[in-house]
Amino acid sequence: MDDFLAARSQMALSLGFHIIYACIGMVMPFFMAVSHYKWLKTNNEVYKHITKAWSKGVAIFFATGAVSGTMLSFELGLLWPKFMEHAGPIFGMPFSLEGTAFFIEAIALGFFLYGWEKLNKWFHWFTGVVVGVSGLASGILVVAANAWMNSPAGFDYVNGQYINIDPIKAMFNDAWFTQALHMCLAAFTATGFAVAGVHALMLLKKQHNDFHYKSFKIAATFATVCALLQPISGDISAKDVAQRQPAKLAAMEALYKTEKPAPLLIGGIVDEKNKTVKNYIEIPGALSFLAHGDFNAEVKGLDQIPEDEHPPVAITHYAFQIMVGLGTVMMIISLIYFFILWRKRTILNTKWLLKLFVFAIPLGYIALEAGWVVTEVGRQPWIINGIMRTIDAVTPMPGIAWSFYLFSAIYFSLSLIVIFLLYRQIKMVPILYKSSNIDQ
């Protein structure tokens, strides 16, 4: 493994693990705040038990997210020094603000975890809300920094120099809103389906108690609403990418030739050597509409982009297909869920629906990872789109492969610890939080 590949692999691995920890850490506090609010309004002890159980999960993922996030910040400087040398002064503001949001989140979480029976009950609830809001703000700020890499702004690039720097314009670049919206909805969808699926599994195991039933309803509501909103944000993102990163859109759809109108491909096997796609389903004009809102619009293909600026088409296309496919599955499950509610059928008696949620536990996170593959691989060969190539930003230091192996071991070990702690928390629920069975 050469050093360039090792550096890219280490960043991919680090981001792949961190994004899971971060999403759970920034979404679960909102679930926690809803259950806490319900306890304060109804005085139903079950909601208090749910809040306490979820708060322990939040603490676990806050700690692991802090560790993985700190490692990432060091990796940016160590693996990509040329990138940070020039980009740091430009997009450093969102990272600085993210640090502030992180400290606010840490303080609020401390108040929440240790404030039971000590703080005013509504102030205590408010600290939980602050945990969620500050965590969400952290995620948006980090996405703003990534969006800058896709849509660089806030500087003039003259003779290889970065001048006239405007950090505000850099932070609020053209891509930040679409990426932040898509990412936030994805985080709520993925975490909502995962949490609802775990509680659905407990219900299928005949633990028909208020704890899991009420937990399932809170998580499922977040998941299904966001899953139905996600296609809207996806459409906004697709139109934005079509304008700013035509090479990425062409790779996402494996569009080797400029077409008017351009079809949308479902599936397909990419042959990068011969620049063809086989075994796909074609929807005429659909890509033109998704990219430009016009079924007869022209969509730029890779034939109009220099060969040395082509992203890896196969990886980008397959990742995009996985993301859209799994997103569609979760949207269908959401429609079924709301149909069941509309028909006023008891969810506990609809075991096949609970099984669907159990099946969907990993789907959101797989789609989330695939989406980030599209974002990062689809931007290649650039680390700053159109300005700096990834290969020019990597460290000249040798031996990066060993660093990749070490970090791989750390992340896998960290994940095993997290899984063990969560498994222990789930197993302790019947002992710590006893509640009555629901009337069937």
Protein backbone atom coordinates (compact mmCIF):
# COMPACT_ATOMS: atom_id res chain seq x y z
CA MET A 1 0.00 0.00 0.00
CA ASP A 2 1.54 3.33 -1.07
CA ASP A 3 1.39 6.33 1.26
CA PHE A 4 -1.22 8.21 -0.79
CA LEU A 5 -3.62 5.27 -0.73
CA ALA A 6 -2.89 4.70 2.97
CA ALA A 7 -3.65 8.34 3.79
CA ARG A 8 -6.94 8.23 1.88
CA SER A 9 -7.85 4.89 3.45
CA GLN A 10 -7.17 6.19 6.95
CA MET A 11 -9.36 9.25 6.40
CA ALA A 12 -12.12 7.08 4.91
CA LEU A 13 -11.98 4.69 7.86
CA SER A 14 -11.93 7.50 10.42
CA LEU A 15 -14.81 9.37 8.81
CA GLY A 16 -16.75 6.14 8.33
CA PHE A 17 -16.66 5.36 12.04
CA HIS A 18 -16.98 8.93 13.30
CA ILE A 19 -20.07 9.71 11.22
CA ILE A 20 -21.98 6.92 12.98
CA TYR A 21 -20.95 8.06 16.46
CA ALA A 22 -21.63 11.70 15.60
CA CYS A 23 -25.07 11.10 14.10
CA ILE A 24 -26.29 9.08 17.07
CA GLY A 25 -24.78 11.59 19.48
CA MET A 26 -26.51 14.56 17.86
CA VAL A 27 -29.93 12.90 17.26
CA MET A 28 -30.54 10.84 20.41
CA PRO A 29 -30.74 13.92 22.68
CA PHE A 30 -33.86 15.02 20.77
CA PHE A 31 -35.49 11.63 21.39
CA MET A 32 -34.46 12.01 25.02
CA ALA A 33 -35.93 15.53 25.22
CA VAL A 34 -39.29 14.34 23.84
CA SER A 35 -39.58 11.48 26.35
CA HIS A 36 -38.48 13.81 29.17
CA TYR A 37 -41.11 16.37 28.16
CA LYS A 38 -43.79 13.67 28.12
CA TRP A 39 -42.78 12.63 31.63
CA LEU A 40 -43.02 16.21 32.89
CA LYS A 41 -46.46 16.68 31.31
CA THR A 42 -47.98 13.28 32.16
CA ASN A 43 -46.01 12.24 35.25
CA ASN A 44 -45.83 8.75 33.70
CA GLU A 45 -42.75 7.09 35.22
CA VAL A 46 -42.19 5.03 32.06
CA TYR A 47 -41.15 8.18 30.16
CA LYS A 48 -38.71 9.00 32.96
CA HIS A 49 -37.20 5.52 32.62
CA ILE A 50 -36.91 5.93 28.85
CA THR A 51 -35.18 9.28 29.31
CA LYS A 52 -32.66 7.87 31.79
CA ALA A 53 -31.94 4.84 29.60
CA TRP A 54 -31.44 6.93 26.47
CA SER A 55 -29.28 9.45 28.35
CA LYS A 56 -26.80 6.67 29.11
CA GLY A 57 -26.60 5.89 25.42
CA VAL A 58 -26.07 9.58 24.67
CA ALA A 59 -23.20 9.65 27.19
CA ILE A 60 -21.56 6.61 25.55
CA PHE A 61 -21.73 8.09 22.05
CA PHE A 62 -20.69 11.54 23.25
CA ALA A 63 -17.51 10.03 24.69
CA THR A 64 -16.72 7.91 21.61
CA GLY A 65 -17.59 10.79 19.26
CA ALA A 66 -15.26 13.08 21.19
CA VAL A 67 -12.41 10.56 20.87
CA SER A 68 -12.94 9.87 17.16
CA GLY A 69 -13.49 13.56 16.38
CA THR A 70 -10.27 14.55 18.14
CA MET A 71 -8.38 11.91 16.17
CA LEU A 72 -9.84 13.28 12.94
CA SER A 73 -8.71 16.82 13.70
CA PHE A 74 -5.14 15.58 14.16
CA GLU A 75 -5.33 13.48 11.00
CA LEU A 76 -6.25 16.51 8.88
CA GLY A 77 -3.01 18.23 9.84
CA LEU A 78 -0.79 15.15 9.84
CA LEU A 79 -2.02 13.52 6.61
CA TRP A 80 -2.91 16.60 4.55
CA PRO A 81 -0.51 19.39 5.63
CA LYS A 82 -0.61 21.25 2.30
CA PHE A 83 -4.38 21.32 2.41
CA MET A 84 -4.49 22.67 5.96
CA GLU A 85 -1.72 25.18 5.25
CA HIS A 86 -3.88 26.94 2.66
CA ALA A 87 -7.41 25.96 3.67
CA GLY A 88 -7.07 26.37 7.44
CA PRO A 89 -7.18 30.20 7.49
CA ILE A 90 -10.17 30.16 5.10
CA PHE A 91 -12.54 27.56 6.54
CA GLY A 92 -11.20 27.55 10.10
CA MET A 93 -14.20 29.50 11.44
CA PRO A 94 -16.75 26.63 11.30
CA PHE A 95 -14.23 24.36 13.03
CA SER A 96 -13.67 26.96 15.76
CA LEU A 97 -17.40 27.41 16.24
CA GLU A 98 -17.83 23.63 16.26
CA GLY A 99 -15.39 23.50 19.16
CA THR A 100 -17.49 26.07 21.02
CA ALA A 101 -20.67 24.07 20.34
CA PHE A 102 -18.91 20.93 21.56
CA PHE A 103 -17.99 22.54 24.90
CA ILE A 104 -21.55 23.82 25.35
CA GLU A 105 -22.81 20.31 24.64
CA ALA A 106 -20.38 18.82 27.17
CA ILE A 107 -21.41 21.27 29.91
CA ALA A 108 -25.13 20.78 29.23
CA LEU A 109 -24.74 16.99 29.20
CA GLY A 110 -23.01 17.15 32.58
CA PHE A 111 -25.89 19.21 33.99
CA PHE A 112 -28.40 16.74 32.55
CA LEU A 113 -26.76 13.51 33.68
CA TYR A 114 -26.14 14.68 37.24
CA GLY A 115 -29.09 17.05 37.62
CA TRP A 116 -31.80 14.54 38.45
CA GLU A 117 -33.61 15.58 41.67
CA LYS A 118 -31.15 18.48 42.04
CA LEU A 119 -32.18 21.05 39.41
CA ASN A 120 -35.50 22.68 38.66
CA LYS A 121 -37.37 20.11 36.56
CA TRP A 122 -37.89 22.42 33.56
CA PHE A 123 -34.34 23.75 33.67
CA HIS A 124 -33.18 20.15 33.79
CA TRP A 125 -35.25 19.41 30.68
CA PHE A 126 -33.84 22.54 29.02
CA THR A 127 -30.26 21.31 29.53
CA GLY A 128 -31.22 18.17 27.59
CA VAL A 129 -32.55 20.31 24.76
CA VAL A 130 -29.28 22.28 24.76
CA VAL A 131 -27.38 18.99 24.37
CA GLY A 132 -29.38 18.24 21.22
CA VAL A 133 -29.25 21.75 19.73
CA SER A 134 -25.51 22.17 20.32
CA GLY A 135 -24.82 18.69 18.96
CA LEU A 136 -26.86 19.44 15.85
CA ALA A 137 -25.05 22.78 15.47
CA SER A 138 -21.70 20.94 15.65
CA GLY A 139 -22.78 18.62 12.85
CA ILE A 140 -23.97 21.50 10.66
CA LEU A 141 -20.73 23.42 11.19
CA VAL A 142 -18.58 20.42 10.23
CA VAL A 143 -20.75 19.85 7.14
CA ALA A 144 -20.26 23.55 6.25
CA ALA A 145 -16.50 22.95 6.23
CA ASN A 146 -16.94 19.91 4.00
CA ALA A 147 -19.30 21.87 1.74
CA TRP A 148 -16.54 24.44 1.29
CA MET A 149 -14.33 21.71 -0.16
CA ASN A 150 -17.08 21.01 -2.72
CA SER A 151 -17.90 24.67 -3.34
CA PRO A 152 -14.85 26.78 -2.39
CA ALA A 153 -15.67 30.42 -1.63
CA GLY A 154 -14.45 33.32 0.47
CA PHE A 155 -11.09 33.90 -1.24
CA ASP A 156 -9.43 34.79 -4.52
CA TYR A 157 -6.98 32.32 -6.03
CA VAL A 158 -4.30 34.32 -7.88
CA ASN A 159 -1.00 32.89 -9.10
CA GLY A 160 -1.20 30.00 -6.64
CA GLN A 161 -1.92 32.32 -3.71
CA TYR A 162 -5.07 32.47 -1.56
CA ILE A 163 -5.86 36.16 -1.00
CA ASN A 164 -8.77 38.41 0.06
CA ILE A 165 -10.00 35.81 2.56
CA ASP A 166 -13.57 36.17 3.83
CA PRO A 167 -14.28 33.47 6.50
CA ILE A 168 -18.02 34.29 6.66
CA LYS A 169 -18.47 33.82 2.92
CA ALA A 170 -16.39 30.65 3.10
CA MET A 171 -18.58 29.19 5.85
CA PHE A 172 -21.85 30.10 4.14
CA ASN A 173 -20.77 28.80 0.75
CA ASP A 174 -23.20 27.76 -1.98
CA ALA A 175 -23.27 24.12 -0.86
CA TRP A 176 -23.58 24.41 2.91
CA PHE A 177 -27.38 24.59 3.15
CA THR A 178 -28.17 21.72 0.80
CA GLN A 179 -25.54 19.46 2.37
CA ALA A 180 -26.53 20.38 5.94
CA LEU A 181 -30.22 19.78 5.24
CA HIS A 182 -29.57 16.43 3.57
CA MET A 183 -27.17 15.33 6.30
CA CYS A 184 -29.46 16.30 9.20
CA LEU A 185 -32.45 14.48 7.72
CA ALA A 186 -30.23 11.46 7.02
CA ALA A 187 -28.97 11.44 10.62
CA PHE A 188 -32.50 11.55 12.06
CA THR A 189 -33.72 8.90 9.63
CA ALA A 190 -30.82 6.50 10.24
CA THR A 191 -30.81 6.87 14.02
CA GLY A 192 -34.59 6.80 14.23
CA PHE A 193 -34.87 3.54 12.31
CA ALA A 194 -32.02 1.98 14.30
CA VAL A 195 -33.51 2.89 17.69
CA ALA A 196 -37.06 1.99 16.65
CA GLY A 197 -35.78 -1.30 15.26
CA VAL A 198 -34.07 -2.25 18.52
CA HIS A 199 -37.24 -1.56 20.51
CA ALA A 200 -39.31 -3.41 17.89
CA LEU A 201 -37.03 -6.42 18.40
CA MET A 202 -37.66 -6.29 22.14
CA LEU A 203 -41.41 -6.18 21.50
CA LEU A 204 -41.19 -9.20 19.22
CA LYS A 205 -39.42 -11.03 22.03
CA LYS A 206 -42.66 -10.73 23.98
CA GLN A 207 -41.44 -7.87 26.14
CA HIS A 208 -44.73 -6.11 25.54
CA ASN A 209 -44.27 -3.36 28.05
CA ASP A 210 -44.76 0.36 28.03
CA PHE A 211 -41.04 1.02 27.98
CA HIS A 212 -40.34 -0.48 24.56
CA TYR A 213 -43.71 0.46 23.08
CA LYS A 214 -43.42 4.15 23.96
CA SER A 215 -39.74 4.21 22.98
CA PHE A 216 -40.60 2.66 19.62
CA LYS A 217 -43.30 5.26 18.91
CA ILE A 218 -41.01 8.22 19.64
CA ALA A 219 -38.13 6.92 17.51
CA ALA A 220 -40.39 5.69 14.69
CA THR A 221 -42.10 9.08 14.43
CA PHE A 222 -38.78 10.88 13.94
CA ALA A 223 -37.55 8.24 11.51
CA THR A 224 -40.61 8.06 9.30
CA VAL A 225 -41.22 11.81 9.06
CA CYS A 226 -37.58 12.48 8.11
CA ALA A 227 -37.51 9.55 5.67
CA LEU A 228 -40.46 11.08 3.81
CA LEU A 229 -38.80 14.52 3.76
CA GLN A 230 -35.45 13.16 2.58
CA PRO A 231 -36.39 12.85 -1.14
CA ILE A 232 -37.15 16.59 -1.16
CA SER A 233 -33.71 17.44 0.19
CA GLY A 234 -32.21 14.91 -2.24
CA ASP A 235 -33.85 16.69 -5.16
CA ILE A 236 -32.48 20.04 -3.94
CA SER A 237 -29.01 18.51 -3.59
CA ALA A 238 -29.12 16.92 -7.06
CA LYS A 239 -29.97 20.23 -8.72
CA ASP A 240 -27.19 21.94 -6.74
CA VAL A 241 -24.60 19.31 -7.72
CA ALA A 242 -25.67 19.56 -11.37
CA GLN A 243 -24.79 23.25 -11.33
CA ARG A 244 -21.56 23.17 -9.31
CA GLN A 245 -20.10 19.68 -9.83
CA PRO A 246 -21.23 18.27 -13.19
CA ALA A 247 -18.46 15.64 -13.08
CA LYS A 248 -19.82 14.28 -9.78
CA LEU A 249 -23.38 14.11 -11.16
CA ALA A 250 -22.12 12.35 -14.30
CA ALA A 251 -20.27 9.80 -12.14
CA MET A 252 -23.29 9.31 -9.90
CA GLU A 253 -25.39 8.39 -12.95
CA ALA A 254 -22.52 6.83 -14.96
CA LEU A 255 -23.30 9.32 -17.73
CA TYR A 256 -20.34 9.00 -20.08
CA LYS A 257 -21.93 10.98 -22.93
CA THR A 258 -23.74 14.30 -22.83
CA GLU A 259 -27.41 13.68 -23.52
CA LYS A 260 -30.50 15.76 -24.22
CA PRO A 261 -32.78 14.55 -22.73
CA ALA A 262 -30.78 12.42 -20.29
CA PRO A 263 -32.24 9.19 -18.86
CA LEU A 264 -32.07 8.12 -15.22
CA LEU A 265 -30.40 4.75 -14.72
CA ILE A 266 -31.58 2.32 -12.05
CA GLY A 267 -28.89 -0.24 -11.27
CA GLY A 268 -26.35 -1.04 -13.94
CA ILE A 269 -22.86 -2.52 -14.08
CA VAL A 270 -20.18 0.03 -14.95
CA ASP A 271 -17.34 -0.84 -17.33
CA GLU A 272 -14.84 1.97 -16.73
CA LYS A 273 -12.39 0.65 -19.31
CA ASN A 274 -14.87 0.81 -22.19
CA LYS A 275 -16.93 3.63 -20.64
CA THR A 276 -20.21 1.76 -20.84
CA VAL A 277 -23.00 0.62 -18.51
CA LYS A 278 -24.83 -2.69 -18.79
CA ASN A 279 -27.88 -4.33 -17.20
CA TYR A 280 -29.77 -1.23 -16.10
CA ILE A 281 -33.34 0.04 -16.12
CA GLU A 282 -33.74 3.35 -17.93
CA ILE A 283 -36.29 6.08 -17.21
CA PRO A 284 -36.24 8.46 -20.23
CA GLY A 285 -35.72 12.16 -19.43
CA ALA A 286 -35.80 11.61 -15.66
CA LEU A 287 -32.20 12.72 -15.07
CA SER A 288 -32.80 15.91 -17.05
CA PHE A 289 -35.76 16.68 -14.80
CA LEU A 290 -33.93 15.84 -11.57
CA ALA A 291 -30.91 17.93 -12.55
CA HIS A 292 -32.61 20.92 -14.16
CA GLY A 293 -36.38 20.61 -13.64
CA ASP A 294 -36.93 20.09 -17.36
CA PHE A 295 -37.48 16.68 -18.98
CA ASN A 296 -35.76 17.90 -22.18
CA ALA A 297 -32.75 19.64 -20.60
CA GLU A 298 -29.19 18.72 -21.53
CA VAL A 299 -27.09 17.02 -18.86
CA LYS A 300 -23.32 17.26 -19.20
CA GLY A 301 -21.57 13.90 -19.45
CA LEU A 302 -17.99 12.90 -18.73
CA ASP A 303 -17.14 13.38 -22.42
CA GLN A 304 -17.12 17.15 -21.80
CA ILE A 305 -14.79 16.90 -18.82
CA PRO A 306 -11.00 16.38 -19.11
CA GLU A 307 -10.01 12.74 -18.61
CA ASP A 308 -7.69 13.55 -15.70
CA GLU A 309 -10.59 15.20 -13.83
CA HIS A 310 -12.93 12.20 -13.95
CA PRO A 311 -13.99 10.80 -10.57
CA PRO A 312 -13.94 7.01 -10.06
CA VAL A 313 -17.22 6.28 -11.84
CA ALA A 314 -17.99 2.74 -10.64
CA ILE A 315 -17.56 3.44 -6.93
CA THR A 316 -19.54 6.69 -7.12
CA HIS A 317 -22.35 5.13 -9.17
CA TYR A 318 -22.72 2.04 -6.98
CA ALA A 319 -22.66 4.12 -3.78
CA PHE A 320 -25.31 6.45 -5.18
CA GLN A 321 -27.51 3.51 -6.16
CA ILE A 322 -27.18 2.01 -2.66
CA MET A 323 -28.04 5.32 -1.01
CA VAL A 324 -31.11 5.95 -3.17
CA GLY A 325 -32.24 2.32 -3.04
CA LEU A 326 -32.10 2.06 0.75
CA GLY A 327 -33.65 5.50 1.12
CA THR A 328 -36.55 4.31 -1.02
CA VAL A 329 -36.98 1.19 1.14
CA MET A 330 -37.15 3.32 4.31
CA MET A 331 -39.60 5.69 2.64
CA ILE A 332 -41.87 2.74 1.76
CA ILE A 333 -41.69 1.45 5.36
CA SER A 334 -42.62 4.95 6.53
CA LEU A 335 -45.67 5.07 4.27
CA ILE A 336 -46.76 1.66 5.55
CA TYR A 337 -46.30 2.84 9.15
CA PHE A 338 -48.50 5.89 8.64
CA PHE A 339 -51.07 3.79 6.79
CA ILE A 340 -51.27 1.45 9.79
CA LEU A 341 -51.71 4.43 12.11
CA TRP A 342 -54.39 5.89 9.82
CA ARG A 343 -56.26 2.58 9.91
CA LYS A 344 -56.00 2.73 13.72
CA ARG A 345 -54.56 -0.75 13.92
CA THR A 346 -52.54 -1.75 16.98
CA ILE A 347 -48.85 -1.78 16.14
CA LEU A 348 -48.17 -4.57 18.62
CA ASN A 349 -50.58 -6.82 16.76
CA THR A 350 -48.93 -5.98 13.43
CA LYS A 351 -45.86 -8.15 13.89
CA TRP A 352 -44.83 -7.98 10.24
CA LEU A 353 -44.47 -4.19 10.62
CA LEU A 354 -42.26 -4.63 13.67
CA LYS A 355 -40.17 -7.09 11.65
CA LEU A 356 -39.79 -4.48 8.91
CA PHE A 357 -38.37 -2.04 11.46
CA VAL A 358 -35.98 -4.70 12.76
CA PHE A 359 -34.87 -5.33 9.17
CA ALA A 360 -34.29 -1.58 8.75
CA ILE A 361 -31.95 -1.23 11.76
CA PRO A 362 -28.75 -1.00 9.65
CA LEU A 363 -30.25 0.41 6.45
CA GLY A 364 -30.06 4.08 7.41
CA TYR A 365 -26.40 3.90 8.36
CA ILE A 366 -25.49 1.95 5.23
CA ALA A 367 -27.23 4.65 3.16
CA LEU A 368 -25.46 7.32 5.22
CA GLU A 369 -22.04 5.79 4.56
CA ALA A 370 -22.87 5.39 0.87
CA GLY A 371 -23.88 9.04 0.70
CA TRP A 372 -20.55 10.16 2.10
CA VAL A 373 -18.76 7.93 -0.41
CA VAL A 374 -20.65 9.77 -3.16
CA THR A 375 -19.71 13.14 -1.65
CA GLU A 376 -16.01 12.42 -1.21
CA VAL A 377 -15.18 10.01 -4.04
CA GLY A 378 -17.34 11.99 -6.46
CA ARG A 379 -15.22 15.09 -5.82
CA GLN A 380 -11.99 13.38 -6.79
CA PRO A 381 -9.34 14.10 -8.01
CA TRP A 382 -9.85 17.33 -6.05
CA ILE A 383 -9.53 17.94 -2.32
CA ILE A 384 -10.62 21.56 -2.94
CA ASN A 385 -12.90 21.38 -5.94
CA GLY A 386 -11.20 22.86 -8.99
CA ILE A 387 -8.35 24.35 -6.93
CA MET A 388 -6.14 21.71 -5.26
CA ARG A 389 -5.75 18.05 -6.17
CA THR A 390 -5.84 15.46 -3.42
CA ILE A 391 -2.46 14.01 -4.38
CA ASP A 392 -0.85 17.45 -4.02
CA ALA A 393 -2.14 17.82 -0.46
CA VAL A 394 -0.86 14.56 1.05
CA THR A 395 2.04 14.49 3.49
CA PRO A 396 5.51 13.67 2.11
CA MET A 397 6.33 11.67 5.24
CA PRO A 398 6.79 7.91 4.68
CA GLY A 399 5.26 5.03 6.63
CA ILE A 400 1.61 6.17 6.50
CA ALA A 401 0.49 2.57 5.97
CA TRP A 402 1.54 1.73 9.54
CA SER A 403 -0.51 4.65 10.81
CA PHE A 404 -3.50 3.29 8.86
CA TYR A 405 -3.10 -0.16 10.46
CA LEU A 406 -2.82 1.35 13.95
CA PHE A 407 -5.87 3.58 13.56
CA SER A 408 -7.85 0.67 12.10
CA ALA A 409 -7.14 -1.37 15.22
CA ILE A 410 -8.14 1.58 17.46
CA TYR A 411 -11.44 2.18 15.69
CA PHE A 412 -12.44 -1.47 15.58
CA SER A 413 -11.56 -1.84 19.27
CA LEU A 414 -13.56 1.29 20.11
CA SER A 415 -16.54 -0.07 18.18
CA LEU A 416 -16.43 -3.39 20.01
CA ILE A 417 -16.41 -1.55 23.35
CA VAL A 418 -19.40 0.55 22.26
CA ILE A 419 -21.33 -2.54 21.13
CA PHE A 420 -20.62 -4.26 24.44
CA LEU A 421 -21.76 -1.25 26.48
CA LEU A 422 -24.95 -0.84 24.46
CA TYR A 423 -25.71 -4.56 24.66
CA ARG A 424 -25.30 -4.39 28.43
CA GLN A 425 -27.61 -1.38 28.65
CA ILE A 426 -30.31 -3.14 26.61
CA LYS A 427 -30.07 -6.30 28.72
CA MET A 428 -30.42 -4.25 31.92
CA VAL A 429 -33.64 -2.53 30.83
CA PRO A 430 -36.03 -5.19 32.28
CA ILE A 431 -34.16 -5.07 35.59
CA LEU A 432 -33.70 -1.32 35.98
CA TYR A 433 -36.92 -0.09 34.39
CA LYS A 434 -39.81 -2.38 35.19
CA SER A 435 -43.13 -1.39 33.69
CA SER A 436 -46.53 -2.93 33.19
CA ASN A 437 -47.58 -4.80 30.10
CA ILE A 438 -49.68 -3.09 27.50
CA ASP A 439 -53.22 -4.24 27.13
CA GLN A 440 -53.38 -6.38 24.03
